C-alpha atoms as a PDB file:
ATOM      1  CA  VAL A   1      -7.722 -41.140 -26.146  1.00  0.00           C
ATOM      2  CA  GLN A   2      -9.267 -41.053 -22.800  1.00  0.00           C
ATOM      3  CA  LEU A   3     -11.786 -38.312 -22.060  1.00  0.00           C
ATOM      4  CA  GLN A   4     -12.576 -37.227 -18.308  1.00  0.00           C
ATOM      5  CA  ALA A   5     -15.812 -35.341 -17.866  1.00  0.00           C
ATOM      6  CA  SER A   6     -16.521 -33.447 -14.687  1.00  0.00           C
ATOM      7  CA  GLY A   7     -18.865 -30.772 -13.182  1.00  0.00           C
ATOM      8  CA  GLY A   8     -22.155 -32.713 -12.976  1.00  0.00           C
ATOM      9  CA  GLY A   9     -24.263 -32.729  -9.933  1.00  0.00           C
ATOM     10  CA  LEU A  10     -27.646 -31.842  -8.475  1.00  0.00           C
ATOM     11  CA  VAL A  11     -29.037 -28.404  -9.124  1.00  0.00           C
ATOM     12  CA  GLN A  12     -32.533 -26.806  -8.775  1.00  0.00           C
ATOM     13  CA  ALA A  13     -34.485 -25.776 -11.846  1.00  0.00           C
ATOM     14  CA  GLU A  14     -33.282 -22.425 -13.212  1.00  0.00           C
ATOM     15  CA  GLY A  15     -29.890 -23.042 -11.923  1.00  0.00           C
ATOM     16  CA  SER A  16     -26.620 -23.366 -13.699  1.00  0.00           C
ATOM     17  CA  LEU A  17     -23.798 -25.963 -14.078  1.00  0.00           C
ATOM     18  CA  ARG A  18     -20.668 -25.927 -16.087  1.00  0.00           C
ATOM     19  CA  LEU A  19     -19.225 -29.174 -17.419  1.00  0.00           C
ATOM     20  CA  SER A  20     -15.655 -29.804 -18.572  1.00  0.00           C
ATOM     21  CA  CYS A  21     -14.197 -32.654 -20.440  1.00  0.00           C
ATOM     22  CA  THR A  22     -10.423 -33.030 -20.909  1.00  0.00           C
ATOM     23  CA  ALA A  23      -8.745 -35.323 -23.427  1.00  0.00           C
ATOM     24  CA  SER A  24      -5.795 -37.411 -22.381  1.00  0.00           C
ATOM     25  CA  ARG A  25      -3.698 -36.320 -25.392  1.00  0.00           C
ATOM     26  CA  ARG A  26      -3.711 -33.792 -28.045  1.00  0.00           C
ATOM     27  CA  THR A  27      -5.953 -35.578 -30.549  1.00  0.00           C
ATOM     28  CA  GLY A  28      -8.705 -33.421 -29.564  1.00  0.00           C
ATOM     29  CA  SER A  29      -6.953 -30.249 -30.533  1.00  0.00           C
ATOM     30  CA  ASN A  30      -7.372 -31.066 -34.192  1.00  0.00           C
ATOM     31  CA  ASN A  31     -10.910 -32.412 -34.077  1.00  0.00           C
ATOM     32  CA  ALA A  32     -14.354 -31.225 -33.393  1.00  0.00           C
ATOM     33  CA  MET A  33     -15.850 -32.116 -29.969  1.00  0.00           C
ATOM     34  CA  GLY A  34     -19.359 -32.625 -28.750  1.00  0.00           C
ATOM     35  CA  TRP A  35     -21.605 -33.097 -25.863  1.00  0.00           C
ATOM     36  CA  PHE A  36     -24.347 -35.801 -25.862  1.00  0.00           C
ATOM     37  CA  ARG A  37     -26.777 -36.767 -23.183  1.00  0.00           C
ATOM     38  CA  GLN A  38     -28.804 -39.774 -22.192  1.00  0.00           C
ATOM     39  CA  ALA A  39     -31.742 -39.813 -19.899  1.00  0.00           C
ATOM     40  CA  PRO A  40     -33.131 -43.016 -18.214  1.00  0.00           C
ATOM     41  CA  GLY A  41     -34.868 -45.092 -20.771  1.00  0.00           C
ATOM     42  CA  LYS A  42     -34.116 -42.789 -23.729  1.00  0.00           C
ATOM     43  CA  GLU A  43     -31.608 -42.980 -26.628  1.00  0.00           C
ATOM     44  CA  ARG A  44     -28.487 -40.845 -26.421  1.00  0.00           C
ATOM     45  CA  GLU A  45     -29.049 -37.502 -27.972  1.00  0.00           C
ATOM     46  CA  PHE A  46     -26.971 -34.598 -29.340  1.00  0.00           C
ATOM     47  CA  VAL A  47     -26.628 -31.492 -27.282  1.00  0.00           C
ATOM     48  CA  ALA A  48     -23.944 -29.392 -28.711  1.00  0.00           C
ATOM     49  CA  SER A  49     -20.877 -29.507 -30.710  1.00  0.00           C
ATOM     50  CA  ILE A  50     -18.009 -27.170 -31.599  1.00  0.00           C
ATOM     51  CA  SER A  51     -15.361 -27.215 -34.477  1.00  0.00           C
ATOM     52  CA  TRP A  52     -11.670 -27.700 -33.790  1.00  0.00           C
ATOM     53  CA  ARG A  53     -11.041 -23.952 -34.318  1.00  0.00           C
ATOM     54  CA  GLY A  54     -14.023 -22.953 -32.166  1.00  0.00           C
ATOM     55  CA  ASP A  55     -15.500 -20.831 -34.835  1.00  0.00           C
ATOM     56  CA  SER A  56     -18.597 -23.110 -35.641  1.00  0.00           C
ATOM     57  CA  THR A  57     -21.077 -24.553 -33.057  1.00  0.00           C
ATOM     58  CA  ALA A  58     -24.327 -26.264 -33.200  1.00  0.00           C
ATOM     59  CA  TYR A  59     -26.986 -26.919 -30.493  1.00  0.00           C
ATOM     60  CA  ALA A  60     -30.021 -29.096 -30.167  1.00  0.00           C
ATOM     61  CA  ASP A  61     -33.265 -27.076 -30.305  1.00  0.00           C
ATOM     62  CA  ASN A  62     -34.132 -27.753 -26.876  1.00  0.00           C
ATOM     63  CA  VAL A  63     -31.001 -26.335 -25.345  1.00  0.00           C
ATOM     64  CA  GLN A  64     -30.410 -23.426 -27.849  1.00  0.00           C
ATOM     65  CA  GLY A  65     -30.025 -20.085 -25.967  1.00  0.00           C
ATOM     66  CA  ARG A  66     -29.573 -21.793 -22.626  1.00  0.00           C
ATOM     67  CA  PHE A  67     -26.313 -23.862 -23.214  1.00  0.00           C
ATOM     68  CA  THR A  68     -22.971 -22.734 -24.569  1.00  0.00           C
ATOM     69  CA  ILE A  69     -20.383 -24.952 -25.662  1.00  0.00           C
ATOM     70  CA  SER A  70     -16.527 -23.733 -25.781  1.00  0.00           C
ATOM     71  CA  ARG A  71     -13.096 -25.278 -25.938  1.00  0.00           C
ATOM     72  CA  ASP A  72      -9.494 -24.566 -24.878  1.00  0.00           C
ATOM     73  CA  ASN A  73      -7.170 -26.351 -27.218  1.00  0.00           C
ATOM     74  CA  ALA A  74      -4.172 -25.551 -25.292  1.00  0.00           C
ATOM     75  CA  LYS A  75      -5.696 -27.595 -22.427  1.00  0.00           C
ATOM     76  CA  GLY A  76      -7.475 -30.162 -24.613  1.00  0.00           C
ATOM     77  CA  THR A  77     -10.788 -29.176 -22.959  1.00  0.00           C
ATOM     78  CA  VAL A  78     -14.283 -28.696 -23.877  1.00  0.00           C
ATOM     79  CA  TYR A  79     -16.805 -27.030 -21.823  1.00  0.00           C
ATOM     80  CA  LEU A  80     -20.511 -26.939 -21.541  1.00  0.00           C
ATOM     81  CA  GLN A  81     -22.120 -23.946 -19.706  1.00  0.00           C
ATOM     82  CA  MET A  82     -25.679 -24.900 -18.848  1.00  0.00           C
ATOM     83  CA  ASN A  83     -28.035 -22.070 -17.710  1.00  0.00           C
ATOM     84  CA  SER A  84     -31.761 -21.938 -16.943  1.00  0.00           C
ATOM     85  CA  LEU A  85     -31.726 -25.762 -16.320  1.00  0.00           C
ATOM     86  CA  LYS A  86     -34.959 -27.626 -16.411  1.00  0.00           C
ATOM     87  CA  PRO A  87     -35.888 -31.019 -14.866  1.00  0.00           C
ATOM     88  CA  GLU A  88     -36.060 -32.516 -18.485  1.00  0.00           C
ATOM     89  CA  ASP A  89     -32.308 -31.760 -18.689  1.00  0.00           C
ATOM     90  CA  THR A  90     -31.684 -34.451 -16.193  1.00  0.00           C
ATOM     91  CA  ALA A  91     -29.412 -37.083 -17.912  1.00  0.00           C
ATOM     92  CA  VAL A  92     -25.862 -38.490 -18.001  1.00  0.00           C
ATOM     93  CA  TYR A  93     -23.861 -36.094 -20.214  1.00  0.00           C
ATOM     94  CA  TYR A  94     -21.071 -37.505 -22.380  1.00  0.00           C
ATOM     95  CA  CYS A  95     -18.215 -35.477 -24.137  1.00  0.00           C
ATOM     96  CA  ALA A  96     -16.798 -36.952 -27.320  1.00  0.00           C
ATOM     97  CA  VAL A  97     -14.208 -36.333 -29.914  1.00  0.00           C
ATOM     98  CA  ALA A  98     -15.191 -36.209 -33.518  1.00  0.00           C
ATOM     99  CA  ARG A  99     -13.520 -37.985 -36.388  1.00  0.00           C
ATOM    100  CA  SER A 100     -12.744 -34.842 -38.161  1.00  0.00           C
ATOM    101  CA  SER A 101     -12.801 -30.991 -37.618  1.00  0.00           C
ATOM    102  CA  TYR A 102     -16.594 -31.113 -38.536  1.00  0.00           C
ATOM    103  CA  ALA A 103     -18.926 -30.463 -35.562  1.00  0.00           C
ATOM    104  CA  GLY A 104     -21.435 -33.063 -36.582  1.00  0.00           C
ATOM    105  CA  ARG A 105     -24.768 -33.971 -34.716  1.00  0.00           C
ATOM    106  CA  ARG A 106     -24.635 -37.738 -35.251  1.00  0.00           C
ATOM    107  CA  LEU A 107     -23.333 -40.385 -32.866  1.00  0.00           C
ATOM    108  CA  THR A 108     -21.316 -41.846 -35.729  1.00  0.00           C
ATOM    109  CA  ASP A 109     -19.473 -38.584 -36.315  1.00  0.00           C
ATOM    110  CA  TYR A 110     -17.642 -39.279 -33.079  1.00  0.00           C
ATOM    111  CA  ASP A 111     -14.913 -41.674 -32.349  1.00  0.00           C
ATOM    112  CA  TYR A 112     -13.986 -41.329 -28.675  1.00  0.00           C
ATOM    113  CA  TRP A 113     -16.388 -41.132 -25.700  1.00  0.00           C
ATOM    114  CA  GLY A 114     -15.960 -40.155 -22.089  1.00  0.00           C
ATOM    115  CA  LYS A 115     -17.753 -42.072 -19.377  1.00  0.00           C
ATOM    116  CA  GLY A 116     -20.264 -39.439 -18.677  1.00  0.00           C
ATOM    117  CA  THR A 117     -21.169 -37.050 -15.745  1.00  0.00           C
ATOM    118  CA  LEU A 118     -24.632 -37.167 -14.280  1.00  0.00           C
ATOM    119  CA  VAL A 119     -26.754 -33.940 -14.067  1.00  0.00           C
ATOM    120  CA  THR A 120     -29.933 -34.052 -12.047  1.00  0.00           C
ATOM    121  CA  VAL A 121     -32.192 -31.036 -12.062  1.00  0.00           C
ATOM    122  CA  SER A 122     -34.834 -30.898  -9.360  1.00  0.00           C
ATOM    123  CA  SER A 123     -38.139 -29.039  -9.707  1.00  0.00           C
END
């Protein structure tokens, strides 16, 4: 499975971006999907996840209320709507397909990873 993420870019603080990630084949339609991010010099961290039905989501505390994850299984695509962006949200954002329908928060819950898309938030 290959994952193609898009939608990153440069945005001012308090602005918005919408990331998309499409799986190359339908594996993603039966598995949870998630977004992680990695800032320079830091570990990759969990951002958000969504169950394969889309009825269960989870968010990191520092994005709760600002970011929204959603998915379209017909398109094999997961989205991350990011509002009220802060400079500390600057990172490379990675989408991933989970090993099961469970929307976990750990890196090890995920089997397939995209190459990432860079989000830069200026102050």
